[in-house]
């Protein structure tokens, strides 16, 4: 005969096994990170999914242009997904104004390799060679406020999708 105590123990063990099993099914691929601790954490940055918060986000993103103002941004936010048919070059023109906190733009290449395109305030042009496969451009921030304007130039081998289109 099962007592209430044994039933509770069996329930607790079952719940623990269920949670462990869910992690095994997902392969542990997606982890939850504290958004405030993601800025210098490559494992968090290269994840396919994003974790972020904005107090305020204005502007828009198209397949070639991002013009965004933000306040209170922390975490990682995928702006573009670049499906590359064969190795190709892209040109990224950018203007970043960071009023407070830390902010950078990162390219996540196939194989989960993160490359910083721009960090902090400044204007510039970055020429990047993309490997075949799925590449992503992400904003990464820590308690930051500012404005970003970016323009992408790419050939026919690169299909650019704005995350706003998904």
N, C-alpha and C. Protein backbone atom coordinates (compact mmCIF):
# COMPACT_ATOMS: atom_id res chain seq x y z
N UNK A 1 0.84 -1.18 0.00
CA UNK A 1 0.00 0.00 0.00
C UNK A 1 0.88 1.24 0.00
N UNK A 2 0.60 2.18 -0.91
CA UNK A 2 1.39 3.40 -1.00
C UNK A 2 0.91 4.41 0.03
N UNK A 3 1.86 4.97 0.73
CA UNK A 3 1.50 6.04 1.66
C UNK A 3 1.66 7.37 0.95
N UNK A 4 1.15 8.40 1.56
CA UNK A 4 1.26 9.75 0.96
C UNK A 4 2.73 10.15 0.85
N UNK A 5 3.55 9.77 1.84
CA UNK A 5 4.97 10.11 1.81
C UNK A 5 5.65 9.43 0.61
N UNK A 6 5.38 8.15 0.40
CA UNK A 6 5.97 7.43 -0.73
C UNK A 6 5.47 7.99 -2.05
N UNK A 7 4.20 8.32 -2.11
CA UNK A 7 3.64 8.90 -3.32
C UNK A 7 4.32 10.22 -3.66
N UNK A 8 4.58 11.03 -2.64
CA UNK A 8 5.28 12.31 -2.84
C UNK A 8 6.70 12.10 -3.33
N UNK A 9 7.39 11.10 -2.77
CA UNK A 9 8.76 10.79 -3.18
C UNK A 9 8.78 10.31 -4.63
N UNK A 10 7.86 9.42 -4.98
CA UNK A 10 7.78 8.93 -6.35
C UNK A 10 7.48 10.09 -7.31
N UNK A 11 6.60 11.00 -6.92
CA UNK A 11 6.28 12.16 -7.75
C UNK A 11 7.48 13.07 -7.96
N UNK A 12 8.25 13.31 -6.90
CA UNK A 12 9.43 14.17 -7.01
C UNK A 12 10.49 13.54 -7.91
N UNK A 13 10.70 12.25 -7.76
CA UNK A 13 11.68 11.55 -8.61
C UNK A 13 11.22 11.57 -10.06
N UNK A 14 9.95 11.34 -10.29
CA UNK A 14 9.41 11.36 -11.66
C UNK A 14 9.59 12.73 -12.30
N UNK A 15 9.33 13.79 -11.54
CA UNK A 15 9.48 15.15 -12.07
C UNK A 15 10.94 15.43 -12.42
N UNK A 16 11.87 15.00 -11.56
CA UNK A 16 13.29 15.21 -11.83
C UNK A 16 13.73 14.46 -13.08
N UNK A 17 13.28 13.22 -13.23
CA UNK A 17 13.63 12.45 -14.43
C UNK A 17 13.03 13.07 -15.69
N UNK A 18 11.82 13.57 -15.60
CA UNK A 18 11.18 14.21 -16.74
C UNK A 18 11.97 15.44 -17.19
N UNK A 19 12.38 16.28 -16.23
CA UNK A 19 13.15 17.48 -16.59
C UNK A 19 14.50 17.11 -17.18
N UNK A 20 15.16 16.11 -16.61
CA UNK A 20 16.45 15.67 -17.16
C UNK A 20 16.27 15.10 -18.55
N UNK A 21 15.20 14.36 -18.76
CA UNK A 21 14.92 13.78 -20.08
C UNK A 21 14.67 14.84 -21.12
N UNK A 22 13.97 15.91 -20.76
CA UNK A 22 13.71 17.00 -21.71
C UNK A 22 15.00 17.65 -22.15
N UNK A 23 15.95 17.80 -21.24
CA UNK A 23 17.24 18.38 -21.60
C UNK A 23 18.00 17.44 -22.53
N UNK A 24 17.90 16.14 -22.29
CA UNK A 24 18.59 15.18 -23.17
C UNK A 24 17.96 15.15 -24.55
N UNK A 25 16.65 15.27 -24.63
CA UNK A 25 15.97 15.27 -25.93
C UNK A 25 16.41 16.48 -26.74
N UNK A 26 16.49 17.64 -26.10
CA UNK A 26 16.92 18.85 -26.78
C UNK A 26 18.42 18.88 -26.99
N UNK A 27 19.13 17.92 -26.42
CA UNK A 27 20.57 17.88 -26.58
C UNK A 27 21.27 18.95 -25.78
N UNK A 28 20.54 19.67 -24.93
CA UNK A 28 21.16 20.74 -24.16
C UNK A 28 21.64 21.86 -25.05
N UNK A 29 21.14 21.94 -26.29
CA UNK A 29 21.63 22.90 -27.27
C UNK A 29 21.32 24.34 -26.87
N UNK A 30 20.13 24.58 -26.34
CA UNK A 30 19.74 25.94 -25.99
C UNK A 30 19.83 26.11 -24.49
N UNK A 31 20.66 27.02 -24.09
CA UNK A 31 20.84 27.28 -22.68
C UNK A 31 20.28 28.66 -22.37
N UNK A 32 19.88 28.82 -21.13
CA UNK A 32 19.41 30.12 -20.69
C UNK A 32 20.57 30.82 -20.00
N UNK A 33 20.82 32.06 -20.39
CA UNK A 33 21.89 32.85 -19.80
C UNK A 33 21.28 34.12 -19.20
N UNK A 34 21.95 34.66 -18.22
CA UNK A 34 21.57 35.95 -17.67
C UNK A 34 21.94 37.00 -18.72
N UNK A 35 20.97 37.79 -19.17
CA UNK A 35 21.22 38.77 -20.25
C UNK A 35 22.34 39.74 -19.90
N UNK A 36 22.52 40.01 -18.61
CA UNK A 36 23.56 40.95 -18.20
C UNK A 36 24.96 40.33 -18.26
N UNK A 37 25.03 39.01 -18.40
CA UNK A 37 26.33 38.33 -18.42
C UNK A 37 26.67 37.76 -19.79
N UNK A 38 25.92 38.15 -20.81
CA UNK A 38 26.12 37.58 -22.15
C UNK A 38 27.17 38.33 -22.97
N UNK A 39 27.47 39.55 -22.61
CA UNK A 39 28.29 40.42 -23.46
C UNK A 39 29.64 39.80 -23.82
N UNK A 40 30.31 39.21 -22.87
CA UNK A 40 31.62 38.61 -23.13
C UNK A 40 31.58 37.09 -23.12
N UNK A 41 30.39 36.52 -23.35
CA UNK A 41 30.21 35.07 -23.31
C UNK A 41 29.95 34.54 -24.72
N UNK A 42 30.99 34.01 -25.35
CA UNK A 42 30.87 33.53 -26.73
C UNK A 42 29.81 32.45 -26.88
N UNK A 43 29.71 31.54 -25.91
CA UNK A 43 28.71 30.47 -26.00
C UNK A 43 27.29 31.04 -26.04
N UNK A 44 27.05 32.10 -25.30
CA UNK A 44 25.73 32.74 -25.30
C UNK A 44 25.50 33.49 -26.61
N UNK A 45 26.51 34.15 -27.12
CA UNK A 45 26.38 34.96 -28.33
C UNK A 45 26.09 34.09 -29.55
N UNK A 46 26.74 32.95 -29.68
CA UNK A 46 26.60 32.13 -30.89
C UNK A 46 25.33 31.28 -30.92
N UNK A 47 24.59 31.23 -29.83
CA UNK A 47 23.35 30.45 -29.83
C UNK A 47 22.43 30.89 -30.96
N UNK A 48 21.70 29.93 -31.51
CA UNK A 48 20.76 30.25 -32.59
C UNK A 48 19.62 31.12 -32.08
N UNK A 49 19.14 30.84 -30.91
CA UNK A 49 18.07 31.65 -30.32
C UNK A 49 18.63 32.88 -29.65
N UNK A 50 17.78 33.84 -29.37
CA UNK A 50 18.19 35.08 -28.72
C UNK A 50 17.54 35.23 -27.36
N UNK A 51 18.22 35.96 -26.50
CA UNK A 51 17.67 36.36 -25.21
C UNK A 51 18.01 37.83 -25.05
N UNK A 52 16.99 38.67 -24.99
CA UNK A 52 17.25 40.10 -24.90
C UNK A 52 16.07 40.82 -24.27
N UNK A 53 16.35 42.06 -23.85
CA UNK A 53 15.28 42.95 -23.41
C UNK A 53 15.66 44.37 -23.80
N UNK A 54 14.65 45.14 -24.17
CA UNK A 54 14.79 46.56 -24.47
C UNK A 54 13.80 47.30 -23.58
N UNK A 55 14.20 48.42 -23.02
CA UNK A 55 13.22 49.30 -22.40
C UNK A 55 12.50 50.06 -23.49
N UNK A 56 13.25 50.42 -24.55
CA UNK A 56 12.68 51.14 -25.69
C UNK A 56 13.48 50.77 -26.93
N UNK A 57 12.76 50.47 -28.01
CA UNK A 57 13.41 50.18 -29.30
C UNK A 57 12.60 50.86 -30.38
N UNK A 58 13.25 51.72 -31.16
CA UNK A 58 12.57 52.44 -32.24
C UNK A 58 13.31 52.19 -33.54
N UNK A 59 12.63 52.46 -34.65
CA UNK A 59 13.27 52.31 -35.95
C UNK A 59 12.83 51.04 -36.63
N UNK A 60 13.61 50.66 -37.66
CA UNK A 60 13.22 49.49 -38.45
C UNK A 60 14.44 48.80 -39.04
N UNK A 61 14.18 47.58 -39.51
CA UNK A 61 15.20 46.78 -40.18
C UNK A 61 14.60 46.21 -41.45
N UNK A 62 15.32 46.36 -42.57
CA UNK A 62 14.92 45.72 -43.82
C UNK A 62 15.99 44.68 -44.16
N UNK A 63 15.92 44.11 -45.34
CA UNK A 63 16.92 43.10 -45.71
C UNK A 63 18.30 43.69 -45.96
N UNK A 64 18.41 44.99 -46.05
CA UNK A 64 19.73 45.60 -46.30
C UNK A 64 20.08 46.75 -45.35
N UNK A 65 19.09 47.30 -44.65
CA UNK A 65 19.32 48.48 -43.81
C UNK A 65 18.73 48.28 -42.42
N UNK A 66 19.51 48.65 -41.41
CA UNK A 66 19.01 48.70 -40.03
C UNK A 66 19.20 50.13 -39.54
N UNK A 67 18.15 50.72 -39.02
CA UNK A 67 18.19 52.07 -38.45
C UNK A 67 17.41 51.99 -37.14
N UNK A 68 18.13 51.78 -36.05
CA UNK A 68 17.50 51.45 -34.78
C UNK A 68 18.06 52.31 -33.65
N UNK A 69 17.15 52.86 -32.84
CA UNK A 69 17.51 53.52 -31.60
C UNK A 69 17.06 52.63 -30.46
N UNK A 70 17.78 52.67 -29.35
CA UNK A 70 17.43 51.77 -28.25
C UNK A 70 17.86 52.34 -26.90
N UNK A 71 17.15 51.90 -25.87
CA UNK A 71 17.50 52.21 -24.48
C UNK A 71 17.30 50.95 -23.66
N UNK A 72 18.16 50.76 -22.69
CA UNK A 72 18.03 49.63 -21.78
C UNK A 72 18.14 48.28 -22.46
N UNK A 73 19.00 48.17 -23.46
CA UNK A 73 19.17 46.90 -24.17
C UNK A 73 20.23 46.05 -23.49
N UNK A 74 19.87 44.80 -23.23
CA UNK A 74 20.81 43.80 -22.74
C UNK A 74 20.50 42.47 -23.42
N UNK A 75 21.54 41.71 -23.75
CA UNK A 75 21.37 40.39 -24.35
C UNK A 75 21.88 40.33 -25.77
N UNK A 76 21.34 39.37 -26.56
CA UNK A 76 21.70 39.22 -27.97
C UNK A 76 20.43 39.25 -28.80
N UNK A 77 20.47 39.97 -29.92
CA UNK A 77 19.31 40.12 -30.80
C UNK A 77 19.78 39.93 -32.25
N UNK A 78 19.32 38.87 -32.91
CA UNK A 78 19.68 38.62 -34.30
C UNK A 78 18.97 39.63 -35.19
N UNK A 79 19.74 40.35 -36.00
CA UNK A 79 19.19 41.37 -36.89
C UNK A 79 19.02 40.81 -38.30
N UNK A 80 20.03 40.10 -38.79
CA UNK A 80 19.97 39.51 -40.12
C UNK A 80 20.42 38.06 -40.10
N UNK A 81 19.81 37.28 -40.97
CA UNK A 81 20.24 35.91 -41.25
C UNK A 81 20.73 35.91 -42.69
N UNK A 82 21.95 35.45 -42.90
CA UNK A 82 22.55 35.45 -44.23
C UNK A 82 22.77 34.01 -44.67
N UNK A 83 22.01 33.59 -45.65
CA UNK A 83 22.14 32.24 -46.20
C UNK A 83 23.10 32.33 -47.38
N UNK A 84 24.28 31.76 -47.22
CA UNK A 84 25.36 31.91 -48.20
C UNK A 84 25.50 30.62 -49.01
N UNK A 85 25.33 30.74 -50.34
CA UNK A 85 25.40 29.57 -51.23
C UNK A 85 26.83 29.12 -51.47
N UNK A 86 27.74 30.08 -51.56
CA UNK A 86 29.17 29.79 -51.71
C UNK A 86 29.92 30.94 -51.07
N UNK A 87 31.16 30.72 -50.72
CA UNK A 87 31.96 31.75 -50.05
C UNK A 87 31.78 33.08 -50.76
N UNK A 88 31.48 34.13 -50.00
CA UNK A 88 31.19 35.43 -50.60
C UNK A 88 31.59 36.56 -49.66
N UNK A 89 31.81 37.73 -50.24
CA UNK A 89 32.16 38.92 -49.47
C UNK A 89 30.93 39.81 -49.29
N UNK A 90 30.85 40.45 -48.13
CA UNK A 90 29.83 41.48 -47.92
C UNK A 90 30.51 42.73 -47.40
N UNK A 91 29.87 43.84 -47.66
CA UNK A 91 30.33 45.14 -47.17
C UNK A 91 29.31 45.62 -46.15
N UNK A 92 29.81 46.04 -44.99
CA UNK A 92 28.95 46.54 -43.93
C UNK A 92 29.38 47.96 -43.60
N UNK A 93 28.53 48.92 -43.95
CA UNK A 93 28.75 50.32 -43.56
C UNK A 93 27.98 50.55 -42.27
N UNK A 94 28.62 51.16 -41.29
CA UNK A 94 27.93 51.33 -40.01
C UNK A 94 28.24 52.67 -39.36
N UNK A 95 27.29 53.10 -38.56
CA UNK A 95 27.43 54.26 -37.70
C UNK A 95 26.81 53.89 -36.36
N UNK A 96 27.64 53.80 -35.33
CA UNK A 96 27.18 53.42 -34.00
C UNK A 96 27.38 54.58 -33.03
N UNK A 97 26.36 54.87 -32.27
CA UNK A 97 26.45 55.84 -31.19
C UNK A 97 26.02 55.14 -29.92
N UNK A 98 26.94 54.98 -28.99
CA UNK A 98 26.63 54.33 -27.72
C UNK A 98 26.66 55.40 -26.64
N UNK A 99 25.49 55.69 -26.06
CA UNK A 99 25.38 56.72 -25.04
C UNK A 99 25.74 56.21 -23.65
N UNK A 100 25.49 54.93 -23.40
CA UNK A 100 25.88 54.32 -22.13
C UNK A 100 25.93 52.81 -22.29
N UNK A 101 26.62 52.16 -21.37
CA UNK A 101 26.71 50.70 -21.41
C UNK A 101 27.68 50.21 -22.48
N UNK A 102 27.54 48.93 -22.82
CA UNK A 102 28.41 48.30 -23.80
C UNK A 102 27.57 47.77 -24.96
N UNK A 103 28.08 47.93 -26.19
CA UNK A 103 27.35 47.50 -27.37
C UNK A 103 28.33 47.06 -28.45
N UNK A 104 27.98 45.96 -29.14
CA UNK A 104 28.78 45.53 -30.29
C UNK A 104 27.89 44.83 -31.30
N UNK A 105 28.40 44.77 -32.53
CA UNK A 105 27.75 44.04 -33.62
C UNK A 105 28.65 42.85 -33.92
N UNK A 106 28.04 41.66 -33.96
CA UNK A 106 28.81 40.42 -34.10
C UNK A 106 28.28 39.61 -35.27
N UNK A 107 29.20 39.03 -36.04
CA UNK A 107 28.85 38.05 -37.06
C UNK A 107 29.04 36.66 -36.45
N UNK A 108 28.00 35.83 -36.53
CA UNK A 108 28.12 34.44 -36.11
C UNK A 108 28.20 33.60 -37.38
N UNK A 109 29.38 33.02 -37.60
CA UNK A 109 29.65 32.23 -38.81
C UNK A 109 29.31 30.76 -38.55
N UNK A 110 29.19 29.97 -39.64
CA UNK A 110 28.96 28.54 -39.46
C UNK A 110 30.04 27.94 -38.55
N UNK A 111 29.65 26.96 -37.77
CA UNK A 111 30.59 26.39 -36.81
C UNK A 111 30.60 27.17 -35.51
N UNK A 112 29.63 28.08 -35.36
CA UNK A 112 29.48 28.88 -34.14
C UNK A 112 30.75 29.67 -33.79
N UNK A 113 31.26 30.36 -34.80
CA UNK A 113 32.42 31.23 -34.61
C UNK A 113 31.93 32.67 -34.60
N UNK A 114 32.23 33.42 -33.54
CA UNK A 114 31.79 34.81 -33.41
C UNK A 114 32.92 35.76 -33.79
N UNK A 115 32.59 36.74 -34.65
CA UNK A 115 33.55 37.75 -35.09
C UNK A 115 32.94 39.12 -34.84
N UNK A 116 33.63 39.96 -34.07
CA UNK A 116 33.12 41.30 -33.79
C UNK A 116 33.34 42.19 -35.00
N UNK A 117 32.25 42.78 -35.50
CA UNK A 117 32.31 43.68 -36.65
C UNK A 117 32.59 45.10 -36.19
N UNK A 118 31.91 45.53 -35.13
CA UNK A 118 32.09 46.88 -34.59
C UNK A 118 31.73 46.87 -33.11
N UNK A 119 32.39 47.74 -32.35
CA UNK A 119 32.12 47.81 -30.91
C UNK A 119 32.25 49.25 -30.44
N UNK A 120 31.33 49.66 -29.58
CA UNK A 120 31.34 51.03 -29.07
C UNK A 120 30.88 52.00 -30.14
N UNK A 121 31.13 53.28 -29.90
CA UNK A 121 30.73 54.32 -30.85
C UNK A 121 31.74 54.43 -31.98
N UNK A 122 31.23 54.79 -33.16
CA UNK A 122 32.12 55.01 -34.29
C UNK A 122 31.44 54.75 -35.62
N UNK A 123 32.07 55.25 -36.67
CA UNK A 123 31.61 55.03 -38.04
C UNK A 123 32.68 54.22 -38.75
N UNK A 124 32.24 53.40 -39.69
CA UNK A 124 33.24 52.64 -40.42
C UNK A 124 32.64 51.74 -41.48
N UNK A 125 33.55 51.04 -42.14
CA UNK A 125 33.19 50.07 -43.17
C UNK A 125 33.94 48.79 -42.82
N UNK A 126 33.24 47.69 -42.88
CA UNK A 126 33.86 46.39 -42.62
C UNK A 126 33.59 45.49 -43.82
N UNK A 127 34.65 44.93 -44.38
CA UNK A 127 34.54 43.94 -45.45
C UNK A 127 34.73 42.57 -44.81
N UNK A 128 33.75 41.70 -45.00
CA UNK A 128 33.78 40.40 -44.34
C UNK A 128 33.58 39.30 -45.38
N UNK A 129 34.41 38.26 -45.31
CA UNK A 129 34.22 37.09 -46.15
C UNK A 129 33.37 36.09 -45.39
N UNK A 130 32.25 35.72 -45.99
CA UNK A 130 31.32 34.78 -45.37
C UNK A 130 31.56 33.37 -45.88
N UNK A 131 31.53 32.42 -44.97
CA UNK A 131 31.62 31.01 -45.36
C UNK A 131 30.26 30.53 -45.81
N UNK A 132 30.26 29.50 -46.64
CA UNK A 132 29.02 28.88 -47.09
C UNK A 132 28.22 28.40 -45.88
N UNK A 133 26.92 28.62 -45.92
CA UNK A 133 26.06 28.16 -44.83
C UNK A 133 25.29 29.30 -44.21
N UNK A 134 24.83 29.07 -42.99
CA UNK A 134 24.01 30.03 -42.27
C UNK A 134 24.89 30.95 -41.43
N UNK A 135 24.87 32.24 -41.73
CA UNK A 135 25.58 33.26 -40.98
C UNK A 135 24.53 34.19 -40.37
N UNK A 136 24.85 34.78 -39.22
CA UNK A 136 23.91 35.70 -38.58
C UNK A 136 24.64 36.93 -38.09
N UNK A 137 23.97 38.08 -38.19
CA UNK A 137 24.50 39.31 -37.62
C UNK A 137 23.63 39.66 -36.43
N UNK A 138 24.30 39.85 -35.28
CA UNK A 138 23.60 40.09 -34.02
C UNK A 138 24.06 41.38 -33.37
N UNK A 139 23.12 42.01 -32.66
CA UNK A 139 23.46 43.07 -31.73
C UNK A 139 23.67 42.40 -30.38
N UNK A 140 24.71 42.84 -29.66
CA UNK A 140 24.99 42.33 -28.33
C UNK A 140 25.17 43.53 -27.42
N UNK A 141 24.43 43.56 -26.31
CA UNK A 141 24.50 44.72 -25.43
C UNK A 141 24.43 44.37 -23.96
N UNK A 142 24.90 45.32 -23.17
CA UNK A 142 24.83 45.20 -21.71
C UNK A 142 24.47 46.57 -21.15
N UNK A 143 23.24 46.69 -20.67
CA UNK A 143 22.73 47.95 -20.09
C UNK A 143 23.07 49.14 -20.98
N UNK A 144 22.72 49.06 -22.24
CA UNK A 144 23.17 50.05 -23.20
C UNK A 144 22.04 50.88 -23.78
N UNK A 145 22.42 52.04 -24.26
CA UNK A 145 21.50 52.93 -24.97
C UNK A 145 22.27 53.55 -26.11
N UNK A 146 21.59 53.79 -27.23
CA UNK A 146 22.27 54.40 -28.36
C UNK A 146 21.49 54.30 -29.64
N UNK A 147 22.23 54.38 -30.76
CA UNK A 147 21.63 54.34 -32.09
C UNK A 147 22.57 53.60 -33.03
N UNK A 148 21.97 52.80 -33.92
CA UNK A 148 22.74 52.04 -34.91
C UNK A 148 22.15 52.29 -36.28
N UNK A 149 23.02 52.57 -37.25
CA UNK A 149 22.61 52.60 -38.65
C UNK A 149 23.60 51.72 -39.39
N UNK A 150 23.07 50.71 -40.10
CA UNK A 150 23.92 49.79 -40.85
C UNK A 150 23.34 49.56 -42.23
N UNK A 151 24.24 49.41 -43.21
CA UNK A 151 23.86 49.10 -44.59
C UNK A 151 24.69 47.90 -45.03
N UNK A 152 24.01 46.89 -45.58
CA UNK A 152 24.70 45.70 -46.08
C UNK A 152 24.77 45.74 -47.60
N UNK A 153 25.92 45.39 -48.13
CA UNK A 153 26.10 45.23 -49.57
C UNK A 153 26.58 43.82 -49.83
N UNK A 154 25.81 43.05 -50.61
CA UNK A 154 26.18 41.66 -50.88
C UNK A 154 25.76 41.27 -52.28
N UNK A 155 26.45 40.28 -52.83
CA UNK A 155 26.13 39.78 -54.16
C UNK A 155 25.02 38.74 -54.14
N UNK A 156 24.81 38.12 -55.30
CA UNK A 156 23.73 37.15 -55.47
C UNK A 156 23.91 35.87 -54.66
N UNK A 157 25.12 35.58 -54.24
CA UNK A 157 25.37 34.34 -53.49
C UNK A 157 24.88 34.42 -52.05
N UNK A 158 24.45 35.62 -51.63
CA UNK A 158 24.02 35.83 -50.25
C UNK A 158 22.55 36.24 -50.22
N UNK A 159 21.74 35.41 -49.57
CA UNK A 159 20.33 35.75 -49.37
C UNK A 159 20.20 36.31 -47.96
N UNK A 160 19.77 37.58 -47.86
CA UNK A 160 19.68 38.24 -46.56
C UNK A 160 18.22 38.30 -46.14
N UNK A 161 17.97 37.84 -44.92
CA UNK A 161 16.63 37.92 -44.35
C UNK A 161 16.70 38.72 -43.07
N UNK A 162 15.86 39.73 -42.96
CA UNK A 162 15.77 40.49 -41.72
C UNK A 162 15.01 39.66 -40.70
N UNK A 163 15.46 39.68 -39.46
CA UNK A 163 14.73 38.93 -38.43
C UNK A 163 13.33 39.49 -38.24
N UNK A 164 13.10 40.73 -38.65
CA UNK A 164 11.76 41.33 -38.58
C UNK A 164 10.82 40.67 -39.57
N UNK A 165 11.37 40.03 -40.62
CA UNK A 165 10.56 39.36 -41.64
C UNK A 165 10.13 37.96 -41.23
N UNK A 166 10.72 37.43 -40.17
CA UNK A 166 10.41 36.05 -39.79
C UNK A 166 9.19 35.98 -38.92
